[in-house]
Amino acid sequence: MLAGKENLNLFIRYQYVQSIDKKWLDHLETLESLREAVYLRSYGSKNPLTEYKIDGFNIFYDMLDSIRLEIAGRVFKVRVTNAQGQDMQRQGKQPIAMNAQHNAMQSFNSGAARSAANASPMASRRQSENATVVRSTPKVGRNDPCPCGSGKKYKQCCGK
């Protein structure tokens, strides 16, 4: 390691503290707005307290994941320099120009990828959701006799 294990651990610890501080304040603001909005769920016959707890836990775990991703991104982007401010990795070396491309990206723009997406099970499900249903028999009312022949009302027999 160029910077040493202790320096790297101090850097990561500092970044964690900084990120947790910022994300925690954002988390508290999000919980405040959730508290104001969760009462509307009582109209849907749901317990607002339970809904607040569930959403609060989900928001908290999302915050933890975002902290981890942010720190990992920062650690991999850090440049190590010596006391004179020179880059330790490039001492005495010329900068190298690099260009990275992914050749498979072009296949997403082709018609083959679109036809494969339209043939997926999810695409057929979306198309069937928009289909209009036409009844072949007349509609049975809830209080009408059940068409199965049981003699009960439809709502107590097959219409449960």
Protein backbone atom coordinates (compact mmCIF):
# COMPACT_ATOMS: atom_id res chain seq x y z
CA MET A 1 0.00 0.00 0.00
CA LEU A 2 1.26 3.42 -0.89
CA ALA A 3 -0.41 5.35 1.93
CA GLY A 4 -0.23 2.75 4.65
CA LYS A 5 -2.96 0.80 6.37
CA GLU A 6 -3.40 3.30 9.21
CA ASN A 7 -3.86 6.28 6.89
CA LEU A 8 -6.34 4.41 4.75
CA ASN A 9 -8.36 3.38 7.81
CA LEU A 10 -8.38 6.99 9.07
CA PHE A 11 -9.52 8.20 5.66
CA ILE A 12 -12.33 5.63 5.48
CA ARG A 13 -13.40 6.40 9.06
CA TYR A 14 -13.53 10.13 8.31
CA GLN A 15 -15.54 9.53 5.16
CA TYR A 16 -17.99 7.31 7.05
CA VAL A 17 -18.54 9.94 9.75
CA GLN A 18 -19.05 12.67 7.17
CA SER A 19 -21.46 10.58 5.11
CA ILE A 20 -23.44 9.30 8.10
CA ASP A 21 -23.85 12.84 9.41
CA LYS A 22 -25.19 14.14 6.09
CA LYS A 23 -27.39 11.11 5.35
CA TRP A 24 -28.82 11.03 8.89
CA LEU A 25 -30.05 14.61 8.61
CA ASP A 26 -31.65 13.77 5.26
CA HIS A 27 -33.16 10.65 6.84
CA LEU A 28 -34.75 12.67 9.64
CA GLU A 29 -36.30 15.06 7.09
CA THR A 30 -37.63 12.10 5.11
CA LEU A 31 -39.17 10.58 8.24
CA GLU A 32 -40.82 13.91 9.01
CA SER A 33 -42.44 14.02 5.57
CA LEU A 34 -43.43 10.34 5.92
CA ARG A 35 -45.11 11.10 9.23
CA GLU A 36 -47.15 13.85 7.59
CA ALA A 37 -48.19 11.62 4.67
CA VAL A 38 -48.83 8.29 6.40
CA TYR A 39 -52.15 9.31 7.92
CA LEU A 40 -53.71 9.09 4.44
CA ARG A 41 -53.27 5.32 4.54
CA SER A 42 -55.94 5.08 7.23
CA TYR A 43 -58.44 5.74 4.45
CA GLY A 44 -57.27 2.47 2.92
CA SER A 45 -58.07 0.62 6.19
CA LYS A 46 -54.41 0.34 7.14
CA ASN A 47 -52.93 1.16 10.52
CA PRO A 48 -50.86 4.35 10.05
CA LEU A 49 -48.50 3.42 12.89
CA THR A 50 -47.69 0.05 11.35
CA GLU A 51 -47.26 1.61 7.91
CA TYR A 52 -44.95 4.27 9.39
CA LYS A 53 -42.82 1.61 11.06
CA ILE A 54 -42.54 -0.49 7.90
CA ASP A 55 -41.70 2.45 5.66
CA GLY A 56 -39.35 3.89 8.28
CA PHE A 57 -37.36 0.65 8.42
CA ASN A 58 -37.23 0.46 4.64
CA ILE A 59 -36.02 4.05 4.39
CA PHE A 60 -33.40 3.39 7.09
CA TYR A 61 -31.99 0.33 5.31
CA ASP A 62 -31.95 2.24 2.03
CA MET A 63 -29.97 4.95 3.80
CA LEU A 64 -27.44 2.38 5.05
CA ASP A 65 -27.03 0.96 1.56
CA SER A 66 -26.52 4.42 0.08
CA ILE A 67 -23.85 5.18 2.72
CA ARG A 68 -21.99 1.98 1.88
CA LEU A 69 -22.14 2.66 -1.86
CA GLU A 70 -21.02 6.26 -1.42
CA ILE A 71 -18.02 5.27 0.73
CA ALA A 72 -17.02 2.49 -1.66
CA GLY A 73 -17.17 4.95 -4.54
CA ARG A 74 -15.07 7.50 -2.67
CA VAL A 75 -12.42 4.96 -1.64
CA PHE A 76 -11.94 3.83 -5.22
CA LYS A 77 -11.73 7.40 -6.51
CA VAL A 78 -9.13 8.61 -4.01
CA ARG A 79 -5.69 9.62 -5.29
CA VAL A 80 -2.70 9.13 -3.05
CA THR A 81 -0.15 11.96 -3.04
CA ASN A 82 3.07 12.44 -1.16
CA ALA A 83 4.01 15.47 0.97
CA GLN A 84 5.07 17.52 -2.09
CA GLY A 85 1.66 17.01 -3.69
CA GLN A 86 2.91 14.69 -6.41
CA ASP A 87 0.84 11.71 -7.44
CA MET A 88 2.51 8.60 -5.95
CA GLN A 89 1.22 6.25 -8.63
CA ARG A 90 2.51 8.32 -11.55
CA GLN A 91 5.95 9.37 -10.32
CA GLY A 92 8.20 9.48 -13.38
CA LYS A 93 5.52 8.10 -15.70
CA GLN A 94 3.66 9.73 -18.53
CA PRO A 95 -0.13 9.86 -18.30
CA ILE A 96 -1.79 7.18 -20.39
CA ALA A 97 -4.89 8.03 -22.38
CA MET A 98 -7.41 5.21 -22.25
CA ASN A 99 -10.76 4.67 -23.89
CA ALA A 100 -13.07 1.95 -22.64
CA GLN A 101 -16.03 0.82 -24.70
CA HIS A 102 -18.41 -2.04 -24.36
CA ASN A 103 -19.13 -3.60 -27.76
CA ALA A 104 -22.28 -5.34 -26.51
CA MET A 105 -23.91 -1.95 -25.98
CA GLN A 106 -24.56 -1.70 -29.71
CA SER A 107 -26.76 -4.79 -29.58
CA PHE A 108 -29.29 -2.94 -27.39
CA ASN A 109 -30.05 -0.54 -30.21
CA SER A 110 -30.69 -3.30 -32.74
CA GLY A 111 -34.06 -4.70 -33.70
CA ALA A 112 -33.11 -8.16 -32.38
CA ALA A 113 -33.01 -6.91 -28.80
CA ARG A 114 -36.39 -5.22 -29.18
CA SER A 115 -37.99 -8.30 -30.65
CA ALA A 116 -36.57 -10.39 -27.80
CA ALA A 117 -38.01 -7.91 -25.28
CA ASN A 118 -41.43 -8.06 -26.93
CA ALA A 119 -41.33 -11.87 -26.83
CA SER A 120 -40.68 -11.92 -23.07
CA PRO A 121 -43.39 -13.17 -20.68
CA MET A 122 -43.73 -9.71 -19.14
CA ALA A 123 -44.54 -8.16 -22.52
CA SER A 124 -47.34 -10.66 -23.13
CA ARG A 125 -48.69 -9.92 -19.66
CA ARG A 126 -48.75 -6.17 -20.40
CA GLN A 127 -50.59 -6.75 -23.66
CA SER A 128 -53.18 -9.01 -22.01
CA GLU A 129 -53.90 -6.41 -19.30
CA ASN A 130 -55.20 -4.02 -21.95
CA ALA A 131 -57.48 -6.60 -23.61
CA THR A 132 -61.24 -5.97 -23.43
CA VAL A 133 -63.28 -8.79 -21.90
CA VAL A 134 -66.64 -9.60 -23.53
CA ARG A 135 -69.18 -11.73 -21.61
CA SER A 136 -70.93 -14.56 -23.41
CA THR A 137 -73.60 -14.94 -20.69
CA PRO A 138 -75.64 -12.25 -18.92
CA LYS A 139 -74.24 -10.78 -15.70
CA VAL A 140 -75.47 -12.41 -12.47
CA GLY A 141 -76.49 -10.02 -9.70
CA ARG A 142 -75.40 -10.64 -6.11
CA ASN A 143 -78.91 -11.40 -4.89
CA ASP A 144 -79.97 -13.44 -7.95
CA PRO A 145 -80.15 -17.25 -7.69
CA CYS A 146 -76.80 -18.89 -8.40
CA PRO A 147 -76.46 -20.26 -11.96
CA CYS A 148 -74.83 -23.46 -10.63
CA GLY A 149 -78.29 -24.68 -9.50
CA SER A 150 -77.68 -24.85 -5.76
CA GLY A 151 -80.70 -22.66 -4.98
CA LYS A 152 -78.62 -20.24 -2.91
CA LYS A 153 -78.07 -16.59 -3.68
CA TYR A 154 -75.07 -15.94 -5.92
CA LYS A 155 -73.27 -13.91 -3.22
CA GLN A 156 -73.46 -16.85 -0.75
CA CYS A 157 -72.55 -19.57 -3.22
CA CYS A 158 -70.17 -18.87 -6.14
CA GLY A 159 -69.83 -15.11 -5.73
CA LYS A 160 -67.72 -15.15 -2.56
